[in-house]
Amino acid sequence: MSEKAWSWIDHTTFPSRRGAHEPFMRQVLAQLTALGWSNSDLFGIEMALEESLTNAIRHGNRLDESKQVVAECKAAPDRFWLRVEDQGPGFKPQHVPDCTADENLQCCGGRGLALIKAYMTRVDYNDCGNCVTMEKVRAAAEAP
């Protein structure tokens, strides 16, 4: 999608401190609401935002406030795009156990990644595993 087709673009950096991501989340959700996104889509995007941003703060940067999280977001009435990058060592998403497998139901890891994957149309990680890019595309019938 060309840059001209986006209705709103934002780029922010914040320290790896609990709650530091919340103003950015509120801003993104307010923009999507103004663009006519439905409550069900907003719920899914909010879940993906929360999980990706808190994972970067807690797991990526390990709550080290000297490390930054970089978030870039683009929104339009029919498309949402987000990139979140931390300064941590990264991880291999394919090595995270499937949280829906019977043997992992009592484990607390992997649920955030599963939620992101479930609610977004596309999710990609860089080779290092410290940057996730995701996109939500609305069906033509859903767009205002």
N, C-alpha and C. Protein backbone atom coordinates (compact mmCIF):
# COMPACT_ATOMS: atom_id res chain seq x y z
N MET A 1 0.86 -1.17 0.00
CA MET A 1 0.00 0.00 0.00
C MET A 1 0.91 1.23 0.00
N SER A 2 0.62 2.18 -0.85
CA SER A 2 1.45 3.38 -0.92
C SER A 2 1.25 4.23 0.33
N GLU A 3 2.27 5.03 0.65
CA GLU A 3 2.20 5.90 1.82
C GLU A 3 1.03 6.86 1.73
N LYS A 4 0.66 7.29 0.55
CA LYS A 4 -0.46 8.24 0.37
C LYS A 4 -1.80 7.63 0.76
N ALA A 5 -1.89 6.30 0.72
CA ALA A 5 -3.17 5.64 1.01
C ALA A 5 -3.45 5.52 2.51
N TRP A 6 -2.45 5.77 3.35
CA TRP A 6 -2.66 5.69 4.79
C TRP A 6 -3.31 6.96 5.29
N SER A 7 -4.29 6.83 6.16
CA SER A 7 -4.97 7.98 6.75
C SER A 7 -4.21 8.55 7.93
N TRP A 8 -3.43 7.71 8.59
CA TRP A 8 -2.70 8.13 9.79
C TRP A 8 -1.44 7.29 9.93
N ILE A 9 -0.34 7.94 10.27
CA ILE A 9 0.94 7.27 10.49
C ILE A 9 1.55 7.83 11.76
N ASP A 10 2.11 6.96 12.59
CA ASP A 10 2.79 7.42 13.79
C ASP A 10 4.02 6.56 14.03
N HIS A 11 5.00 7.18 14.64
CA HIS A 11 6.25 6.50 15.00
C HIS A 11 6.61 6.98 16.39
N THR A 12 6.83 6.06 17.32
CA THR A 12 7.14 6.46 18.69
C THR A 12 8.19 5.54 19.29
N THR A 13 8.84 6.05 20.30
CA THR A 13 9.83 5.30 21.07
C THR A 13 9.51 5.51 22.53
N PHE A 14 9.59 4.45 23.33
CA PHE A 14 9.35 4.60 24.76
C PHE A 14 10.25 3.65 25.53
N PRO A 15 10.51 3.96 26.80
CA PRO A 15 11.40 3.12 27.62
C PRO A 15 10.71 1.81 28.01
N SER A 16 11.50 0.85 28.36
CA SER A 16 10.98 -0.46 28.75
C SER A 16 10.56 -0.46 30.21
N ARG A 17 9.44 0.22 30.45
CA ARG A 17 8.87 0.36 31.79
C ARG A 17 7.40 -0.05 31.70
N ARG A 18 6.94 -0.76 32.68
CA ARG A 18 5.52 -1.17 32.70
C ARG A 18 4.62 0.04 32.48
N GLY A 19 3.68 -0.09 31.56
CA GLY A 19 2.72 0.96 31.30
C GLY A 19 3.18 2.04 30.34
N ALA A 20 4.45 2.04 29.96
CA ALA A 20 4.96 3.10 29.07
C ALA A 20 4.30 3.07 27.69
N HIS A 21 3.75 1.94 27.31
CA HIS A 21 3.12 1.77 26.00
C HIS A 21 1.66 2.24 25.96
N GLU A 22 1.06 2.49 27.10
CA GLU A 22 -0.38 2.75 27.16
C GLU A 22 -0.82 4.02 26.41
N PRO A 23 -0.10 5.15 26.50
CA PRO A 23 -0.52 6.32 25.72
C PRO A 23 -0.53 6.04 24.21
N PHE A 24 0.46 5.30 23.74
CA PHE A 24 0.51 4.94 22.31
C PHE A 24 -0.69 4.08 21.94
N MET A 25 -1.00 3.10 22.77
CA MET A 25 -2.16 2.25 22.51
C MET A 25 -3.44 3.06 22.43
N ARG A 26 -3.63 3.96 23.38
CA ARG A 26 -4.86 4.78 23.38
C ARG A 26 -4.95 5.61 22.11
N GLN A 27 -3.82 6.15 21.68
CA GLN A 27 -3.80 6.97 20.47
C GLN A 27 -4.16 6.13 19.23
N VAL A 28 -3.58 4.95 19.12
CA VAL A 28 -3.87 4.08 17.99
C VAL A 28 -5.35 3.71 17.96
N LEU A 29 -5.88 3.29 19.09
CA LEU A 29 -7.29 2.88 19.13
C LEU A 29 -8.22 4.05 18.85
N ALA A 30 -7.87 5.24 19.30
CA ALA A 30 -8.69 6.42 19.00
C ALA A 30 -8.69 6.70 17.50
N GLN A 31 -7.55 6.57 16.87
CA GLN A 31 -7.46 6.81 15.42
C GLN A 31 -8.28 5.77 14.66
N LEU A 32 -8.19 4.51 15.06
CA LEU A 32 -8.95 3.46 14.39
C LEU A 32 -10.45 3.65 14.58
N THR A 33 -10.84 4.09 15.77
CA THR A 33 -12.26 4.39 16.02
C THR A 33 -12.73 5.50 15.09
N ALA A 34 -11.93 6.54 14.96
CA ALA A 34 -12.28 7.66 14.08
C ALA A 34 -12.35 7.22 12.62
N LEU A 35 -11.60 6.19 12.27
CA LEU A 35 -11.61 5.67 10.89
C LEU A 35 -12.75 4.67 10.66
N GLY A 36 -13.55 4.40 11.69
CA GLY A 36 -14.73 3.56 11.52
C GLY A 36 -14.52 2.07 11.76
N TRP A 37 -13.45 1.69 12.43
CA TRP A 37 -13.24 0.28 12.72
C TRP A 37 -14.28 -0.20 13.73
N SER A 38 -14.76 -1.42 13.54
CA SER A 38 -15.79 -1.99 14.41
C SER A 38 -15.22 -2.36 15.77
N ASN A 39 -16.11 -2.51 16.75
CA ASN A 39 -15.68 -2.90 18.10
C ASN A 39 -14.98 -4.25 18.11
N SER A 40 -15.43 -5.19 17.29
CA SER A 40 -14.79 -6.51 17.27
C SER A 40 -13.38 -6.41 16.70
N ASP A 41 -13.19 -5.61 15.64
CA ASP A 41 -11.84 -5.41 15.11
C ASP A 41 -10.97 -4.66 16.10
N LEU A 42 -11.53 -3.65 16.75
CA LEU A 42 -10.77 -2.89 17.75
C LEU A 42 -10.32 -3.79 18.90
N PHE A 43 -11.17 -4.71 19.31
CA PHE A 43 -10.81 -5.65 20.37
C PHE A 43 -9.58 -6.47 19.97
N GLY A 44 -9.61 -7.04 18.78
CA GLY A 44 -8.50 -7.86 18.30
C GLY A 44 -7.22 -7.06 18.16
N ILE A 45 -7.33 -5.86 17.64
CA ILE A 45 -6.15 -5.01 17.48
C ILE A 45 -5.62 -4.60 18.84
N GLU A 46 -6.51 -4.29 19.78
CA GLU A 46 -6.06 -3.94 21.12
C GLU A 46 -5.29 -5.10 21.75
N MET A 47 -5.79 -6.32 21.57
CA MET A 47 -5.09 -7.49 22.10
C MET A 47 -3.70 -7.63 21.47
N ALA A 48 -3.61 -7.46 20.15
CA ALA A 48 -2.33 -7.59 19.46
C ALA A 48 -1.37 -6.47 19.87
N LEU A 49 -1.88 -5.26 20.02
CA LEU A 49 -1.06 -4.14 20.50
C LEU A 49 -0.52 -4.44 21.89
N GLU A 50 -1.41 -4.79 22.80
CA GLU A 50 -1.02 -5.05 24.18
C GLU A 50 0.04 -6.14 24.26
N GLU A 51 -0.20 -7.24 23.58
CA GLU A 51 0.73 -8.37 23.64
C GLU A 51 2.07 -8.04 23.02
N SER A 52 2.08 -7.43 21.85
CA SER A 52 3.35 -7.14 21.18
C SER A 52 4.16 -6.09 21.93
N LEU A 53 3.50 -5.07 22.44
CA LEU A 53 4.22 -4.00 23.15
C LEU A 53 4.71 -4.47 24.52
N THR A 54 3.88 -5.19 25.26
CA THR A 54 4.33 -5.66 26.57
C THR A 54 5.37 -6.77 26.43
N ASN A 55 5.27 -7.59 25.39
CA ASN A 55 6.31 -8.60 25.16
C ASN A 55 7.65 -7.93 24.90
N ALA A 56 7.65 -6.85 24.12
CA ALA A 56 8.90 -6.13 23.84
C ALA A 56 9.48 -5.55 25.13
N ILE A 57 8.62 -4.99 25.97
CA ILE A 57 9.07 -4.39 27.23
C ILE A 57 9.58 -5.47 28.19
N ARG A 58 8.76 -6.49 28.42
CA ARG A 58 9.07 -7.50 29.46
C ARG A 58 10.05 -8.56 29.00
N HIS A 59 9.79 -9.18 27.86
CA HIS A 59 10.61 -10.30 27.42
C HIS A 59 11.80 -9.84 26.59
N GLY A 60 11.57 -8.91 25.67
CA GLY A 60 12.66 -8.44 24.82
C GLY A 60 13.69 -7.65 25.58
N ASN A 61 13.26 -6.55 26.18
CA ASN A 61 14.18 -5.66 26.89
C ASN A 61 14.28 -5.94 28.38
N ARG A 62 13.54 -6.92 28.86
CA ARG A 62 13.59 -7.37 30.25
C ARG A 62 13.44 -6.23 31.26
N LEU A 63 12.51 -5.31 30.96
CA LEU A 63 12.21 -4.18 31.83
C LEU A 63 13.43 -3.30 32.12
N ASP A 64 14.39 -3.31 31.23
CA ASP A 64 15.58 -2.47 31.35
C ASP A 64 15.23 -1.10 30.76
N GLU A 65 15.01 -0.11 31.64
CA GLU A 65 14.55 1.20 31.18
C GLU A 65 15.58 1.95 30.33
N SER A 66 16.81 1.46 30.29
CA SER A 66 17.79 2.09 29.40
C SER A 66 17.61 1.62 27.96
N LYS A 67 16.79 0.58 27.76
CA LYS A 67 16.50 0.06 26.42
C LYS A 67 15.15 0.59 25.97
N GLN A 68 15.06 0.84 24.68
CA GLN A 68 13.86 1.43 24.09
C GLN A 68 13.06 0.41 23.30
N VAL A 69 11.77 0.67 23.19
CA VAL A 69 10.89 -0.04 22.27
C VAL A 69 10.50 0.97 21.20
N VAL A 70 10.61 0.56 19.95
CA VAL A 70 10.23 1.41 18.83
C VAL A 70 8.96 0.84 18.22
N ALA A 71 7.96 1.68 18.05
CA ALA A 71 6.69 1.24 17.45
C ALA A 71 6.35 2.17 16.30
N GLU A 72 6.01 1.58 15.19
CA GLU A 72 5.57 2.33 14.02
C GLU A 72 4.21 1.79 13.62
N CYS A 73 3.28 2.68 13.36
CA CYS A 73 1.91 2.28 13.08
C CYS A 73 1.37 3.05 11.88
N LYS A 74 0.57 2.38 11.07
CA LYS A 74 -0.11 3.00 9.94
C LYS A 74 -1.55 2.50 9.96
N ALA A 75 -2.47 3.41 9.67
CA ALA A 75 -3.88 3.02 9.69
C ALA A 75 -4.65 3.67 8.55
N ALA A 76 -5.65 2.97 8.09
CA ALA A 76 -6.58 3.44 7.06
C ALA A 76 -7.93 2.79 7.38
N PRO A 77 -8.99 3.21 6.72
CA PRO A 77 -10.29 2.60 7.00
C PRO A 77 -10.34 1.08 6.76
N ASP A 78 -9.46 0.56 5.91
CA ASP A 78 -9.52 -0.86 5.58
C ASP A 78 -8.27 -1.65 5.96
N ARG A 79 -7.28 -0.98 6.59
CA ARG A 79 -6.01 -1.66 6.86
C ARG A 79 -5.31 -1.06 8.08
N PHE A 80 -4.71 -1.94 8.87
CA PHE A 80 -3.92 -1.53 10.03
C PHE A 80 -2.58 -2.24 9.94
N TRP A 81 -1.48 -1.51 10.18
CA TRP A 81 -0.14 -2.07 10.10
C TRP A 81 0.66 -1.62 11.32
N LEU A 82 1.43 -2.53 11.92
CA LEU A 82 2.21 -2.21 13.11
C LEU A 82 3.54 -2.94 13.06
N ARG A 83 4.59 -2.21 13.43
CA ARG A 83 5.91 -2.81 13.61
C ARG A 83 6.39 -2.45 15.00
N VAL A 84 6.82 -3.45 15.77
CA VAL A 84 7.33 -3.26 17.13
C VAL A 84 8.71 -3.89 17.19
N GLU A 85 9.70 -3.10 17.64
CA GLU A 85 11.06 -3.60 17.74
C GLU A 85 11.64 -3.26 19.11
N ASP A 86 12.32 -4.25 19.71
CA ASP A 86 12.99 -4.01 20.99
C ASP A 86 14.49 -4.15 20.80
N GLN A 87 15.24 -3.89 21.86
CA GLN A 87 16.69 -3.97 21.80
C GLN A 87 17.23 -5.23 22.46
N GLY A 88 16.37 -6.20 22.63
CA GLY A 88 16.76 -7.45 23.25
C GLY A 88 17.42 -8.40 22.28
N PRO A 89 17.79 -9.60 22.76
CA PRO A 89 18.50 -10.57 21.93
C PRO A 89 17.61 -11.26 20.89
N GLY A 90 16.30 -11.14 21.04
CA GLY A 90 15.38 -11.79 20.10
C GLY A 90 15.04 -13.21 20.53
N PHE A 91 14.22 -13.85 19.74
CA PHE A 91 13.80 -15.22 20.01
C PHE A 91 13.35 -15.85 18.71
N LYS A 92 13.14 -17.13 18.74
CA LYS A 92 12.67 -17.88 17.57
C LYS A 92 11.20 -18.25 17.82
N PRO A 93 10.26 -17.55 17.16
CA PRO A 93 8.84 -17.83 17.40
C PRO A 93 8.47 -19.30 17.20
N GLN A 94 9.13 -19.96 16.26
CA GLN A 94 8.82 -21.36 15.99
C GLN A 94 9.22 -22.29 17.15
N HIS A 95 10.03 -21.78 18.08
CA HIS A 95 10.44 -22.59 19.24
C HIS A 95 9.52 -22.39 20.45
N VAL A 96 8.57 -21.48 20.34
CA VAL A 96 7.62 -21.27 21.43
C VAL A 96 6.58 -22.39 21.37
N PRO A 97 6.40 -23.13 22.45
CA PRO A 97 5.44 -24.25 22.43
C PRO A 97 4.02 -23.78 22.11
N ASP A 98 3.29 -24.64 21.44
CA ASP A 98 1.89 -24.38 21.11
C ASP A 98 1.08 -24.40 22.40
N CYS A 99 0.55 -23.24 22.77
CA CYS A 99 -0.17 -23.14 24.05
C CYS A 99 -1.52 -23.85 24.03
N THR A 100 -1.98 -24.28 22.85
CA THR A 100 -3.25 -25.00 22.78
C THR A 100 -3.09 -26.52 22.83
N ALA A 101 -1.83 -26.98 22.77
CA ALA A 101 -1.58 -28.43 22.87
C ALA A 101 -1.88 -28.90 24.29
N ASP A 102 -2.46 -30.07 24.41
CA ASP A 102 -2.85 -30.60 25.72
C ASP A 102 -1.73 -30.53 26.75
N GLU A 103 -0.52 -30.87 26.34
CA GLU A 103 0.61 -30.90 27.28
C GLU A 103 1.06 -29.49 27.71
N ASN A 104 0.58 -28.45 27.03
CA ASN A 104 0.99 -27.08 27.35
C ASN A 104 -0.13 -26.23 27.94
N LEU A 105 -1.28 -26.82 28.19
CA LEU A 105 -2.42 -26.03 28.67
C LEU A 105 -2.16 -25.36 30.02
N GLN A 106 -1.33 -25.96 30.84
CA GLN A 106 -1.02 -25.38 32.15
C GLN A 106 0.16 -24.41 32.12
N CYS A 107 0.85 -24.35 31.00
CA CYS A 107 2.00 -23.44 30.86
C CYS A 107 1.50 -22.03 30.58
N CYS A 108 2.24 -21.05 31.06
CA CYS A 108 1.78 -19.67 30.87
C CYS A 108 2.37 -19.02 29.63
N GLY A 109 3.31 -19.61 28.96
CA GLY A 109 3.95 -18.99 27.80
C GLY A 109 3.24 -19.26 26.50
N GLY A 110 3.40 -18.34 25.55
CA GLY A 110 2.92 -18.53 24.19
C GLY A 110 1.54 -18.00 23.89
N ARG A 111 0.77 -17.64 24.91
CA ARG A 111 -0.60 -17.19 24.67
C ARG A 111 -0.65 -15.86 23.91
N GLY A 112 0.26 -14.96 24.25
CA GLY A 112 0.29 -13.67 23.56
C GLY A 112 0.56 -13.81 22.08
N LEU A 113 1.53 -14.68 21.75
CA LEU A 113 1.84 -14.91 20.33
C LEU A 113 0.65 -15.53 19.61
N ALA A 114 -0.04 -16.44 20.29
CA ALA A 114 -1.22 -17.07 19.69
C ALA A 114 -2.33 -16.05 19.45
N LEU A 115 -2.53 -15.13 20.40
CA LEU A 115 -3.54 -14.09 20.22
C LEU A 115 -3.21 -13.17 19.05
N ILE A 116 -1.96 -12.76 18.97
CA ILE A 116 -1.54 -11.90 17.85
C ILE A 116 -1.83 -12.60 16.53
N LYS A 117 -1.42 -13.84 16.43
CA LYS A 117 -1.62 -14.61 15.20
C LYS A 117 -3.11 -14.79 14.87
N ALA A 118 -3.92 -14.98 15.90
CA ALA A 118 -5.35 -15.20 15.69
C ALA A 118 -6.07 -13.94 15.21
N TYR A 119 -5.67 -12.78 15.71
CA TYR A 119 -6.39 -11.55 15.40
C TYR A 119 -5.85 -10.78 14.20
N MET A 120 -4.62 -11.02 13.82
CA MET A 120 -4.03 -10.29 12.70
C MET A 120 -4.11 -11.10 11.41
N THR A 121 -4.15 -10.43 10.30
CA THR A 121 -4.19 -11.09 9.00
C THR A 121 -2.83 -11.67 8.65
N ARG A 122 -1.76 -10.94 9.01
CA ARG A 122 -0.40 -11.36 8.70
C ARG A 122 0.51 -10.98 9.87
N VAL A 123 1.43 -11.87 10.24
CA VAL A 123 2.41 -11.62 11.30
C VAL A 123 3.75 -12.16 10.83
N ASP A 124 4.77 -11.30 10.88
CA ASP A 124 6.12 -11.69 10.48
C ASP A 124 7.12 -11.23 11.53
N TYR A 125 8.17 -12.01 11.72
CA TYR A 125 9.26 -11.67 12.63
C TYR A 125 10.54 -11.53 11.81
N ASN A 126 11.43 -10.64 12.25
CA ASN A 126 12.72 -10.56 11.58
C ASN A 126 13.55 -11.78 11.96
N ASP A 127 14.69 -11.96 11.31
CA ASP A 127 15.53 -13.14 11.54
C ASP A 127 16.00 -13.24 12.98
N CYS A 128 16.30 -12.10 13.58
CA CYS A 128 16.79 -12.07 14.97
C CYS A 128 15.66 -12.40 15.95
N GLY A 129 14.43 -12.00 15.62
CA GLY A 129 13.30 -12.24 16.51
C GLY A 129 13.04 -11.11 17.48
N ASN A 130 13.64 -9.94 17.25
CA ASN A 130 13.38 -8.80 18.13
C ASN A 130 12.50 -7.75 17.47
N CYS A 131 11.90 -8.10 16.34
CA CYS A 131 11.01 -7.18 15.63
C CYS A 131 9.86 -7.97 15.03
N VAL A 132 8.64 -7.53 15.32
CA VAL A 132 7.45 -8.16 14.76
C VAL A 132 6.71 -7.12 13.92
N THR A 133 6.25 -7.55 12.76
CA THR A 133 5.44 -6.71 11.89
C THR A 133 4.12 -7.44 11.69
N MET A 134 3.04 -6.72 11.87
CA MET A 134 1.73 -7.34 11.73
C MET A 134 0.79 -6.44 10.94
N GLU A 135 -0.21 -7.05 10.38
CA GLU A 135 -1.17 -6.30 9.58
C GLU A 135 -2.56 -6.91 9.74
N LYS A 136 -3.55 -6.05 9.78
CA LYS A 136 -4.95 -6.47 9.80
C LYS A 136 -5.62 -5.84 8.60
N VAL A 137 -6.18 -6.66 7.74
CA VAL A 137 -6.89 -6.17 6.56
C VAL A 137 -8.36 -6.50 6.74
N ARG A 138 -9.18 -5.46 6.61
CA ARG A 138 -10.62 -5.69 6.74
C ARG A 138 -11.19 -6.15 5.40
N ALA A 139 -12.18 -7.01 5.48
CA ALA A 139 -12.87 -7.44 4.27
C ALA A 139 -13.62 -6.23 3.69
N ALA A 140 -13.78 -6.20 2.39
CA ALA A 140 -14.41 -5.06 1.72
C ALA A 140 -15.78 -4.76 2.31
N ALA A 141 -16.52 -5.81 2.70
CA ALA A 141 -17.85 -5.60 3.27
C ALA A 141 -17.80 -4.96 4.65
N GLU A 142 -16.66 -5.08 5.35
CA GLU A 142 -16.53 -4.53 6.70
C GLU A 142 -16.09 -3.07 6.70
N ALA A 143 -15.39 -2.65 5.66
CA ALA A 143 -14.83 -1.28 5.62
C ALA A 143 -15.96 -0.28 5.42
N PRO A 144 -15.81 0.92 6.05
CA PRO A 144 -16.88 1.91 5.91
C PRO A 144 -17.01 2.43 4.50
